Protein backbone atom coordinates (compact mmCIF):
# COMPACT_ATOMS: atom_id res chain seq x y z
CA MET A 1 20.95 -19.88 -15.31
CA GLU A 2 18.49 -21.90 -13.22
CA PRO A 3 20.19 -21.26 -9.85
CA LEU A 4 20.13 -17.51 -10.60
CA VAL A 5 16.42 -17.64 -11.42
CA TYR A 6 15.63 -19.55 -8.23
CA ALA A 7 17.70 -17.06 -6.22
CA LEU A 8 15.75 -14.19 -7.78
CA LEU A 9 12.45 -15.94 -7.03
CA ILE A 10 13.44 -16.42 -3.39
CA LEU A 11 14.53 -12.77 -3.16
CA THR A 12 11.23 -11.69 -4.74
CA SER A 13 9.24 -13.74 -2.24
CA VAL A 14 11.16 -12.26 0.70
CA VAL A 15 10.68 -8.70 -0.56
CA GLY A 16 6.99 -9.32 -1.23
CA LEU A 17 6.39 -10.81 2.23
CA THR A 18 8.25 -7.91 3.84
CA PHE A 19 6.07 -5.30 2.14
CA ILE A 20 2.88 -7.28 2.82
CA ILE A 21 3.65 -7.28 6.55
CA GLU A 22 4.90 -3.67 6.62
CA ARG A 23 1.84 -2.28 4.80
CA GLY A 24 -0.45 -4.43 6.95
CA ILE A 25 0.97 -2.72 10.05
CA ALA A 26 1.04 0.78 8.51
CA LEU A 27 -2.54 0.61 7.22
CA ARG A 28 -4.18 -0.50 10.45
CA TRP A 29 -7.33 1.57 10.83
CA HIS A 30 -6.65 2.83 14.38
CA ARG A 31 -3.13 3.84 13.37
CA VAL A 32 -4.31 6.04 10.47
CA LEU A 33 -7.59 7.19 12.05
CA PRO A 34 -7.28 6.94 15.84
CA PRO A 35 -10.73 6.71 17.48
CA GLU A 36 -9.70 9.44 19.93
CA ILE A 37 -9.28 11.88 17.05
CA GLU A 38 -12.57 10.89 15.47
CA ALA A 39 -14.29 11.52 18.81
CA ALA A 40 -12.51 14.87 19.16
CA VAL A 41 -13.70 15.96 15.69
CA GLN A 42 -17.25 15.10 16.66
CA SER A 43 -16.87 17.13 19.87
CA CYS A 44 -15.31 20.14 18.12
CA GLN A 45 -18.48 22.11 17.45
CA SER A 46 -17.14 25.67 17.76
CA PRO A 47 -13.91 27.70 17.59
CA GLU A 48 -13.59 27.40 21.39
CA ASP A 49 -13.16 23.61 21.01
CA VAL A 50 -10.20 23.87 18.61
CA PRO A 51 -7.50 23.90 21.38
CA MET A 52 -8.93 20.63 22.70
CA LEU A 53 -8.71 19.13 19.22
CA ARG A 54 -5.12 20.33 18.89
CA ARG A 55 -4.14 18.59 22.13
CA VAL A 56 -5.71 15.31 21.06
CA CYS A 57 -4.02 15.47 17.63
CA GLN A 58 -0.62 16.17 19.22
CA GLN A 59 -1.05 13.18 21.53
CA HIS A 60 -2.02 10.77 18.72
CA LYS A 61 0.28 11.27 15.76
CA SER A 62 -1.28 10.00 12.53
CA PRO A 63 -2.19 11.12 8.99
CA MET A 64 -5.55 12.31 10.34
CA SER A 65 -3.95 14.36 13.11
CA ARG A 66 -1.51 16.01 10.70
CA LEU A 67 -4.35 17.07 8.41
CA LEU A 68 -6.45 18.44 11.26
CA LEU A 69 -3.51 20.37 12.73
CA LEU A 70 -2.88 21.91 9.32
CA ALA A 71 -6.53 22.94 9.07
CA ALA A 72 -6.49 24.36 12.60
CA ASP A 73 -3.37 26.39 11.81
CA HIS A 74 -5.04 28.01 8.80
CA LEU A 75 -8.47 28.86 10.15
CA ASP A 76 -7.67 32.56 9.72
CA TRP A 77 -7.38 31.97 5.95
CA PRO A 78 -10.35 32.10 3.58
CA LYS A 79 -12.20 28.80 3.50
CA GLU A 80 -11.19 28.06 -0.11
CA ASP A 81 -7.50 28.56 0.71
CA THR A 82 -7.71 26.32 3.75
CA LEU A 83 -9.39 23.58 1.70
CA GLY A 84 -6.71 23.96 -0.99
CA ALA A 85 -3.93 23.55 1.58
CA LEU A 86 -5.73 20.51 3.02
CA GLN A 87 -6.07 18.88 -0.39
CA THR A 88 -2.36 19.34 -1.11
CA ARG A 89 -1.37 17.84 2.24
CA ALA A 90 -3.91 15.03 1.84
CA ARG A 91 -2.29 14.00 -1.45
CA HIS A 92 1.06 13.71 0.37
CA GLU A 93 -0.51 11.62 3.13
CA ILE A 94 -2.20 9.28 0.63
CA ALA A 95 1.09 8.91 -1.25
CA ARG A 96 2.74 7.86 2.03
CA LEU A 97 -0.01 5.31 2.65
CA GLU A 98 0.49 3.90 -0.86
CA ARG A 99 4.24 3.58 -0.40
CA GLY A 100 5.32 0.00 -1.05
CA LEU A 101 2.21 -0.96 -3.01
CA VAL A 102 4.06 -0.37 -6.27
CA VAL A 103 6.60 -3.00 -5.17
CA LEU A 104 3.82 -5.56 -4.74
CA GLU A 105 2.46 -4.58 -8.16
CA ILE A 106 5.88 -5.18 -9.71
CA ILE A 107 6.20 -8.55 -7.98
CA VAL A 108 2.79 -9.57 -9.35
CA GLY A 109 4.17 -8.95 -12.84
CA ILE A 110 7.70 -10.32 -12.61
CA ALA A 111 7.30 -13.43 -10.42
CA PRO A 112 5.46 -15.50 -13.07
CA LEU A 113 7.90 -14.25 -15.72
CA LEU A 114 10.89 -15.32 -13.61
CA GLY A 115 9.27 -18.72 -13.16
CA LEU A 116 8.76 -19.00 -16.90
CA VAL A 117 12.39 -18.05 -17.55
CA GLY A 118 13.52 -20.76 -15.12
CA THR A 119 11.32 -23.33 -16.81
CA ILE A 120 12.54 -22.43 -20.29
CA ALA A 121 16.19 -22.46 -19.19
CA GLY A 122 15.69 -25.86 -17.56
CA MET A 123 14.00 -27.25 -20.64
CA MET A 124 16.85 -26.04 -22.84
CA THR A 125 19.38 -27.70 -20.56
CA LEU A 126 17.38 -30.92 -20.34
CA PHE A 127 16.85 -31.29 -24.08
CA GLY A 128 20.45 -30.31 -24.72
CA ASP A 129 21.60 -33.17 -22.51
CA ILE A 130 19.17 -35.55 -24.23
CA GLY A 131 20.52 -34.50 -27.62
CA GLN A 132 24.03 -35.40 -26.54
CA ALA A 133 23.35 -38.61 -24.60
CA GLY A 134 20.21 -39.77 -26.36
CA LEU A 135 16.85 -40.62 -24.84
CA THR A 136 17.15 -43.86 -22.91
CA GLU A 137 14.42 -43.64 -20.29
CA ALA A 138 11.12 -41.79 -20.68
CA ALA A 139 10.72 -41.80 -16.89
CA LYS A 140 13.86 -39.70 -16.47
CA LEU A 141 12.59 -37.21 -19.05
CA ALA A 142 9.23 -36.93 -17.28
CA LYS A 143 10.93 -36.47 -13.92
CA GLY A 144 13.21 -33.78 -15.35
CA ILE A 145 10.30 -31.86 -16.85
CA ALA A 146 8.38 -32.08 -13.57
CA LEU A 147 11.32 -30.61 -11.67
CA ILE A 148 11.74 -27.83 -14.22
CA LEU A 149 8.07 -26.81 -13.93
CA ASN A 150 8.68 -26.07 -10.25
CA ALA A 151 10.03 -22.68 -11.31
CA THR A 152 6.73 -21.74 -12.94
CA LEU A 153 4.78 -23.02 -9.93
CA MET A 154 7.01 -21.06 -7.56
CA GLY A 155 6.52 -17.87 -9.58
CA LEU A 156 2.74 -18.27 -9.47
CA LEU A 157 2.74 -19.02 -5.74
CA ILE A 158 4.60 -15.74 -5.18
CA ALA A 159 2.45 -13.68 -7.56
CA ILE A 160 -0.99 -14.82 -6.36
CA PRO A 161 -0.69 -13.72 -2.68
CA SER A 162 1.01 -10.50 -3.79
CA LEU A 163 -1.92 -9.76 -6.10
CA ILE A 164 -4.44 -10.46 -3.34
CA PHE A 165 -2.74 -8.16 -0.84
CA TRP A 166 -2.04 -5.47 -3.45
CA SER A 167 -5.74 -5.34 -4.35
CA TYR A 168 -6.80 -5.38 -0.69
CA TYR A 169 -4.40 -2.61 0.35
CA ASN A 170 -5.37 -0.44 -2.62
CA LYS A 171 -9.03 -0.71 -1.65
CA LYS A 172 -8.18 0.02 1.97
CA VAL A 173 -6.26 3.18 1.02
CA GLU A 174 -9.26 4.34 -1.01
CA THR A 175 -11.55 3.79 1.98
CA ILE A 176 -9.16 5.62 4.29
CA ALA A 177 -8.91 8.53 1.85
CA VAL A 178 -12.71 8.91 1.82
CA GLU A 179 -12.83 8.88 5.63
CA LEU A 180 -10.01 11.44 5.89
CA GLU A 181 -11.83 13.71 3.45
CA THR A 182 -15.12 13.33 5.33
CA LEU A 183 -13.68 14.18 8.75
CA CYS A 184 -11.65 17.13 7.47
CA ASP A 185 -14.63 18.52 5.58
CA GLU A 186 -16.79 18.15 8.67
CA PHE A 187 -14.25 20.01 10.82
CA VAL A 188 -13.74 22.85 8.33
CA ARG A 189 -17.46 23.27 7.68
CA ARG A 190 -18.14 23.75 11.38
CA GLN A 191 -15.39 26.33 11.78
CA TYR A 192 -16.52 28.65 9.00
CA ARG A 193 -19.67 30.63 8.54
CA GLU A 194 -21.99 29.62 5.72
CA ASP A 195 -20.86 32.54 3.57
CA GLY A 196 -17.28 31.23 3.58
CA GLU A 197 -15.73 34.48 4.78
CA THR A 198 -12.46 34.46 6.70
CA ARG A 199 -13.10 33.44 10.28
CA LYS A 200 -11.41 35.54 12.95
CA LYS A 201 -9.60 33.68 15.68
């Protein structure tokens, strides 16, 4: 039982580390919101600037560029319809950014439990052996218990970093979502008249 628990703990740590690194790379600010695109949005003050924005978005593939290209493709729609299409696409982009975070959340929950299972299994084995052979040396018992508690310690050492990164990445996704919404709203607002009528290309 104990070797299986330790194998599962090692597997859990490897999976957790993999997703921590992968999400760290995927959620880099300049990868999600390239500064070139932010500058292009600021420069896109009129319908005549939209082709320039398209070129920049096509050169820098990112969640931000995909949203802006969608908005640019639907500027002949009523403003409310364009915003609705943007919101739907934005939900998909946020879901992609959150991919893998659920794995870290699961690891936060199961790693300490696996450690506890290993400790309990080790204690059962230890006290079973003592029941058969009898307690001869207290030092051996103390050493055995100390070794068994390593499973609990290992589970906690896996869960704590996973919890830290899970919380950090969740907050980062929230911040990115706000920035995406702000830039898209700014772009759409500039491209439509105040009365919200359909803008002619």
